[in-house]
Structures are given as structure tokens and as C-alpha cells.
Amino acid sequence: GFGRSESSTDISYATHNIASNVIGDKVNITSEKNISLLGSNVQANTEGQIKANRNITQAGVKDTNYSYHKKTKTGFMGLTSKSVTDENYAKKAILSATLAGDKGLTYDSKNNLI
């Protein structure tokens, strides 16, 4: 109608991590610098080694989803208004794991094991 208006605001974002799965009978991961196993899995069926000349970091990660929606209706000549807001935020943890068979899995770091 005359002198009335409607507006809306929409914001959304998401982060999604994609895990690496390294699986084998014997697994060796070697780096002259750092190794980062973030939200990833290593499985050595008999034995394995993760060796870095600097740091080895193994940690979980988080996927996130966020959305925001606001709708505003303004009445005649801006004298009245009504707003409806909907906001959602969700997190999901993605673990990082290592599995080893009967001969085990060793970590060898010249600096830190994080």
C-alpha cells in the first residue's frame, strides 16, 4: 500500500572440513618441516611412523553453519514497524585419529608434538 515498505536482510556462512584418510599396511609420513593432521585419520595395519624435523600437530576441527534472517515491515508513513528475526548457529566436531596394528605407530618430532 501507499507509504508502506518491506525489507529483509540475509546473512549465511559455513565452513566444512574434508578429512584425509591414510590407510595402509605400513604407513610412513615424513616431512623436513611440519606435519599437521587436522581432522584426518591415519591407520597403519601393522606398523607406521610419523616423522617431522619440526612440529607434529594432530587435532580435531569444527564445521560451522550460521544463518541470519531479518524481515522488517514498515507501516504508513513509517509510524509503525514490525520485525521478525531468525538466527541459527551450529558446530560439529570432526576428530583426528591414528590407529596401529601389532607393531605400533611412532611419532618422531625434533620440536613439539602437539
N, C-alpha and C. Protein backbone atom coordinates (compact mmCIF):
# COMPACT_ATOMS: atom_id res chain seq x y z
N GLY A 1 0.81 -1.17 0.00
CA GLY A 1 0.00 0.00 0.00
C GLY A 1 0.86 1.24 0.00
N PHE A 2 0.18 2.38 -0.03
CA PHE A 2 0.85 3.67 -0.10
C PHE A 2 1.64 3.95 1.19
N GLY A 3 2.91 4.32 1.04
CA GLY A 3 3.73 4.69 2.18
C GLY A 3 4.21 3.53 3.02
N ARG A 4 3.98 2.32 2.57
CA ARG A 4 4.43 1.15 3.32
C ARG A 4 5.65 0.55 2.62
N SER A 5 6.50 -0.11 3.42
CA SER A 5 7.67 -0.74 2.81
C SER A 5 8.00 -2.04 3.54
N GLU A 6 8.79 -2.85 2.86
CA GLU A 6 9.23 -4.12 3.43
C GLU A 6 10.68 -4.33 3.03
N SER A 7 11.50 -4.76 3.98
CA SER A 7 12.91 -5.03 3.67
C SER A 7 13.34 -6.30 4.39
N SER A 8 14.39 -6.91 3.87
CA SER A 8 14.92 -8.10 4.54
C SER A 8 16.43 -8.13 4.41
N THR A 9 17.05 -8.77 5.40
CA THR A 9 18.50 -8.95 5.44
C THR A 9 18.77 -10.43 5.62
N ASP A 10 19.65 -10.99 4.79
CA ASP A 10 20.03 -12.39 4.89
C ASP A 10 21.55 -12.51 4.91
N ILE A 11 22.06 -13.24 5.91
CA ILE A 11 23.50 -13.50 6.02
C ILE A 11 23.66 -14.99 6.31
N SER A 12 24.57 -15.64 5.62
CA SER A 12 24.85 -17.04 5.95
C SER A 12 26.29 -17.38 5.57
N TYR A 13 26.87 -18.28 6.35
CA TYR A 13 28.19 -18.79 6.00
C TYR A 13 28.36 -20.18 6.60
N ALA A 14 29.28 -20.91 6.03
CA ALA A 14 29.56 -22.27 6.51
C ALA A 14 31.02 -22.60 6.26
N THR A 15 31.59 -23.38 7.16
CA THR A 15 32.92 -23.94 6.94
C THR A 15 32.79 -25.46 7.04
N HIS A 16 33.32 -26.15 6.06
CA HIS A 16 33.26 -27.60 6.04
C HIS A 16 34.67 -28.14 5.79
N ASN A 17 35.12 -28.98 6.69
CA ASN A 17 36.44 -29.59 6.57
C ASN A 17 36.31 -30.95 5.91
N ILE A 18 37.24 -31.27 5.06
CA ILE A 18 37.25 -32.57 4.39
C ILE A 18 38.43 -33.36 4.93
N ALA A 19 38.12 -34.48 5.56
CA ALA A 19 39.15 -35.29 6.20
C ALA A 19 39.94 -36.08 5.17
N SER A 20 41.21 -36.29 5.49
CA SER A 20 42.05 -37.21 4.72
C SER A 20 42.11 -38.51 5.50
N ASN A 21 42.02 -39.62 4.82
CA ASN A 21 42.14 -40.93 5.44
C ASN A 21 43.31 -41.65 4.78
N VAL A 22 44.38 -41.85 5.54
CA VAL A 22 45.57 -42.54 5.05
C VAL A 22 45.56 -43.93 5.67
N ILE A 23 45.38 -44.95 4.84
CA ILE A 23 45.25 -46.32 5.34
C ILE A 23 46.20 -47.22 4.56
N GLY A 24 46.95 -48.06 5.29
CA GLY A 24 47.85 -48.98 4.61
C GLY A 24 48.41 -50.01 5.57
N ASP A 25 49.10 -50.99 5.03
CA ASP A 25 49.74 -52.00 5.86
C ASP A 25 50.85 -51.36 6.69
N LYS A 26 51.76 -50.66 6.00
CA LYS A 26 52.82 -49.89 6.66
C LYS A 26 52.66 -48.45 6.19
N VAL A 27 52.54 -47.53 7.13
CA VAL A 27 52.33 -46.12 6.79
C VAL A 27 53.47 -45.30 7.37
N ASN A 28 54.16 -44.56 6.50
CA ASN A 28 55.21 -43.65 6.94
C ASN A 28 54.92 -42.27 6.38
N ILE A 29 54.84 -41.29 7.26
CA ILE A 29 54.63 -39.90 6.86
C ILE A 29 55.85 -39.12 7.35
N THR A 30 56.58 -38.50 6.42
CA THR A 30 57.83 -37.82 6.75
C THR A 30 57.84 -36.42 6.17
N SER A 31 58.36 -35.45 6.95
CA SER A 31 58.49 -34.08 6.46
C SER A 31 59.77 -33.46 7.00
N GLU A 32 60.43 -32.65 6.16
CA GLU A 32 61.60 -31.91 6.63
C GLU A 32 61.19 -30.71 7.47
N LYS A 33 59.91 -30.36 7.44
CA LYS A 33 59.40 -29.24 8.24
C LYS A 33 58.33 -29.75 9.20
N ASN A 34 57.09 -29.26 9.07
CA ASN A 34 55.99 -29.61 9.98
C ASN A 34 55.03 -30.61 9.35
N ILE A 35 54.34 -31.36 10.20
CA ILE A 35 53.25 -32.23 9.78
C ILE A 35 52.01 -31.81 10.58
N SER A 36 50.91 -31.58 9.87
CA SER A 36 49.64 -31.24 10.52
C SER A 36 48.59 -32.26 10.10
N LEU A 37 48.05 -32.97 11.07
CA LEU A 37 46.96 -33.92 10.85
C LEU A 37 45.72 -33.30 11.49
N LEU A 38 44.95 -32.55 10.71
CA LEU A 38 43.81 -31.80 11.23
C LEU A 38 42.52 -32.44 10.73
N GLY A 39 41.77 -33.03 11.65
CA GLY A 39 40.53 -33.69 11.27
C GLY A 39 40.74 -34.85 10.33
N SER A 40 41.90 -35.46 10.39
CA SER A 40 42.26 -36.55 9.47
C SER A 40 42.60 -37.81 10.24
N ASN A 41 42.60 -38.93 9.53
CA ASN A 41 42.82 -40.23 10.16
C ASN A 41 43.98 -40.97 9.48
N VAL A 42 44.80 -41.61 10.31
CA VAL A 42 45.91 -42.43 9.82
C VAL A 42 45.73 -43.82 10.41
N GLN A 43 45.73 -44.84 9.55
CA GLN A 43 45.60 -46.21 10.02
C GLN A 43 46.71 -47.05 9.41
N ALA A 44 47.57 -47.59 10.28
CA ALA A 44 48.64 -48.49 9.86
C ALA A 44 48.27 -49.89 10.35
N ASN A 45 48.00 -50.80 9.43
CA ASN A 45 47.53 -52.13 9.82
C ASN A 45 48.58 -52.94 10.57
N THR A 46 49.87 -52.77 10.25
CA THR A 46 50.91 -53.46 11.02
C THR A 46 51.78 -52.47 11.78
N GLU A 47 52.36 -51.49 11.07
CA GLU A 47 53.22 -50.51 11.75
C GLU A 47 53.24 -49.21 10.97
N GLY A 48 53.65 -48.15 11.66
CA GLY A 48 53.73 -46.86 11.00
C GLY A 48 54.61 -45.89 11.75
N GLN A 49 54.98 -44.82 11.05
CA GLN A 49 55.81 -43.78 11.66
C GLN A 49 55.40 -42.43 11.09
N ILE A 50 55.30 -41.45 11.97
CA ILE A 50 55.07 -40.06 11.58
C ILE A 50 56.28 -39.29 12.08
N LYS A 51 57.08 -38.75 11.14
CA LYS A 51 58.37 -38.15 11.49
C LYS A 51 58.49 -36.77 10.86
N ALA A 52 58.82 -35.77 11.70
CA ALA A 52 58.98 -34.40 11.21
C ALA A 52 60.23 -33.78 11.82
N ASN A 53 60.94 -32.97 11.03
CA ASN A 53 62.11 -32.26 11.55
C ASN A 53 61.71 -31.06 12.42
N ARG A 54 60.45 -30.67 12.36
CA ARG A 54 59.95 -29.59 13.22
C ARG A 54 58.81 -30.12 14.08
N ASN A 55 57.60 -29.58 13.93
CA ASN A 55 56.46 -29.94 14.78
C ASN A 55 55.54 -30.95 14.12
N ILE A 56 54.92 -31.78 14.96
CA ILE A 56 53.82 -32.64 14.53
C ILE A 56 52.59 -32.17 15.29
N THR A 57 51.56 -31.79 14.55
CA THR A 57 50.31 -31.33 15.16
C THR A 57 49.19 -32.26 14.74
N GLN A 58 48.47 -32.80 15.72
CA GLN A 58 47.30 -33.62 15.43
C GLN A 58 46.15 -33.07 16.25
N ALA A 59 45.08 -32.66 15.58
CA ALA A 59 43.97 -32.04 16.29
C ALA A 59 42.67 -32.23 15.51
N GLY A 60 41.58 -32.12 16.24
CA GLY A 60 40.27 -32.12 15.61
C GLY A 60 39.97 -30.75 15.04
N VAL A 61 38.93 -30.66 14.25
CA VAL A 61 38.49 -29.40 13.65
C VAL A 61 36.98 -29.28 13.86
N LYS A 62 36.43 -28.12 13.52
CA LYS A 62 34.99 -27.90 13.67
C LYS A 62 34.38 -27.40 12.37
N ASP A 63 33.27 -28.01 12.00
CA ASP A 63 32.44 -27.49 10.92
C ASP A 63 31.45 -26.52 11.54
N THR A 64 31.18 -25.41 10.86
CA THR A 64 30.22 -24.43 11.39
C THR A 64 29.20 -24.07 10.32
N ASN A 65 28.00 -23.77 10.78
CA ASN A 65 26.92 -23.27 9.93
C ASN A 65 26.25 -22.11 10.65
N TYR A 66 26.08 -21.00 9.95
CA TYR A 66 25.45 -19.82 10.54
C TYR A 66 24.47 -19.22 9.54
N SER A 67 23.31 -18.82 10.04
CA SER A 67 22.35 -18.10 9.18
C SER A 67 21.62 -17.05 10.00
N TYR A 68 21.34 -15.93 9.36
CA TYR A 68 20.63 -14.81 9.98
C TYR A 68 19.64 -14.26 8.96
N HIS A 69 18.41 -14.10 9.39
CA HIS A 69 17.37 -13.53 8.50
C HIS A 69 16.56 -12.53 9.32
N LYS A 70 16.41 -11.34 8.80
CA LYS A 70 15.59 -10.31 9.44
C LYS A 70 14.67 -9.70 8.40
N LYS A 71 13.39 -9.68 8.72
CA LYS A 71 12.39 -9.10 7.82
C LYS A 71 11.68 -7.98 8.57
N THR A 72 11.64 -6.80 7.96
CA THR A 72 11.01 -5.64 8.59
C THR A 72 9.92 -5.09 7.68
N LYS A 73 8.76 -4.87 8.27
CA LYS A 73 7.65 -4.23 7.55
C LYS A 73 7.39 -2.89 8.23
N THR A 74 7.31 -1.84 7.43
CA THR A 74 7.05 -0.51 7.95
C THR A 74 5.68 -0.06 7.47
N GLY A 75 4.90 0.45 8.42
CA GLY A 75 3.54 0.88 8.10
C GLY A 75 3.49 2.26 7.45
N PHE A 76 2.29 2.77 7.35
CA PHE A 76 2.01 4.04 6.69
C PHE A 76 2.86 5.16 7.28
N MET A 77 3.60 5.84 6.43
CA MET A 77 4.43 7.00 6.80
C MET A 77 5.50 6.65 7.85
N GLY A 78 5.82 5.36 8.00
CA GLY A 78 6.85 4.96 8.95
C GLY A 78 6.42 5.03 10.39
N LEU A 79 5.12 5.17 10.65
CA LEU A 79 4.63 5.32 12.02
C LEU A 79 4.67 4.01 12.80
N THR A 80 4.54 2.89 12.11
CA THR A 80 4.60 1.59 12.78
C THR A 80 5.56 0.68 12.02
N SER A 81 6.16 -0.24 12.75
CA SER A 81 7.02 -1.23 12.09
C SER A 81 6.99 -2.53 12.87
N LYS A 82 7.27 -3.60 12.16
CA LYS A 82 7.31 -4.93 12.76
C LYS A 82 8.51 -5.67 12.18
N SER A 83 9.32 -6.27 13.06
CA SER A 83 10.50 -7.02 12.62
C SER A 83 10.42 -8.46 13.12
N VAL A 84 10.86 -9.38 12.28
CA VAL A 84 10.98 -10.78 12.66
C VAL A 84 12.42 -11.20 12.37
N THR A 85 13.10 -11.75 13.38
CA THR A 85 14.50 -12.15 13.23
C THR A 85 14.65 -13.64 13.52
N ASP A 86 15.43 -14.32 12.70
CA ASP A 86 15.73 -15.73 12.90
C ASP A 86 17.24 -15.91 12.76
N GLU A 87 17.88 -16.46 13.79
CA GLU A 87 19.33 -16.65 13.77
C GLU A 87 19.66 -18.06 14.23
N ASN A 88 20.53 -18.75 13.49
CA ASN A 88 20.93 -20.12 13.82
C ASN A 88 22.44 -20.27 13.71
N TYR A 89 23.02 -21.00 14.68
CA TYR A 89 24.45 -21.28 14.67
C TYR A 89 24.65 -22.71 15.14
N ALA A 90 25.41 -23.49 14.38
CA ALA A 90 25.66 -24.89 14.75
C ALA A 90 27.13 -25.23 14.51
N LYS A 91 27.70 -26.02 15.43
CA LYS A 91 29.08 -26.50 15.30
C LYS A 91 29.07 -28.03 15.40
N LYS A 92 29.97 -28.64 14.66
CA LYS A 92 30.12 -30.09 14.72
C LYS A 92 31.61 -30.41 14.76
N ALA A 93 32.03 -31.17 15.76
CA ALA A 93 33.44 -31.53 15.89
C ALA A 93 33.79 -32.68 14.95
N ILE A 94 34.94 -32.56 14.28
CA ILE A 94 35.48 -33.62 13.44
C ILE A 94 36.80 -34.06 14.08
N LEU A 95 36.85 -35.29 14.53
CA LEU A 95 38.02 -35.78 15.25
C LEU A 95 39.16 -36.16 14.31
N SER A 96 40.34 -36.26 14.90
CA SER A 96 41.52 -36.73 14.19
C SER A 96 42.04 -37.94 14.97
N ALA A 97 42.35 -39.03 14.28
CA ALA A 97 42.74 -40.25 14.99
C ALA A 97 43.85 -40.99 14.26
N THR A 98 44.62 -41.74 15.05
CA THR A 98 45.60 -42.66 14.48
C THR A 98 45.34 -44.05 15.07
N LEU A 99 45.44 -45.06 14.22
CA LEU A 99 45.26 -46.45 14.63
C LEU A 99 46.45 -47.25 14.12
N ALA A 100 46.91 -48.20 14.94
CA ALA A 100 48.06 -49.00 14.53
C ALA A 100 47.84 -50.46 14.90
N GLY A 101 48.46 -51.33 14.13
CA GLY A 101 48.38 -52.77 14.37
C GLY A 101 49.36 -53.22 15.44
N ASP A 102 49.74 -54.49 15.38
CA ASP A 102 50.54 -55.11 16.43
C ASP A 102 51.93 -54.52 16.62
N LYS A 103 52.51 -53.88 15.62
CA LYS A 103 53.86 -53.33 15.76
C LYS A 103 53.85 -51.85 16.14
N GLY A 104 52.67 -51.26 16.26
CA GLY A 104 52.54 -49.90 16.76
C GLY A 104 52.81 -48.81 15.73
N LEU A 105 52.62 -47.57 16.19
CA LEU A 105 52.86 -46.39 15.38
C LEU A 105 53.68 -45.42 16.22
N THR A 106 54.76 -44.89 15.68
CA THR A 106 55.62 -43.99 16.45
C THR A 106 55.54 -42.57 15.89
N TYR A 107 55.65 -41.62 16.80
CA TYR A 107 55.76 -40.21 16.45
C TYR A 107 57.20 -39.79 16.73
N ASP A 108 57.84 -39.13 15.77
CA ASP A 108 59.22 -38.67 15.95
C ASP A 108 59.28 -37.21 15.51
N SER A 109 59.37 -36.31 16.49
CA SER A 109 59.38 -34.88 16.21
C SER A 109 60.63 -34.25 16.81
N LYS A 110 61.36 -33.47 16.01
CA LYS A 110 62.55 -32.79 16.53
C LYS A 110 62.17 -31.65 17.48
N ASN A 111 60.96 -31.08 17.29
CA ASN A 111 60.50 -29.98 18.14
C ASN A 111 59.36 -30.45 19.04
N ASN A 112 58.14 -30.10 18.69
CA ASN A 112 56.98 -30.36 19.54
C ASN A 112 56.00 -31.34 18.93
N LEU A 113 55.37 -32.12 19.80
CA LEU A 113 54.25 -32.96 19.43
C LEU A 113 53.02 -32.32 20.07
N ILE A 114 52.15 -31.79 19.21
CA ILE A 114 51.02 -31.01 19.71
C ILE A 114 49.73 -31.78 19.48
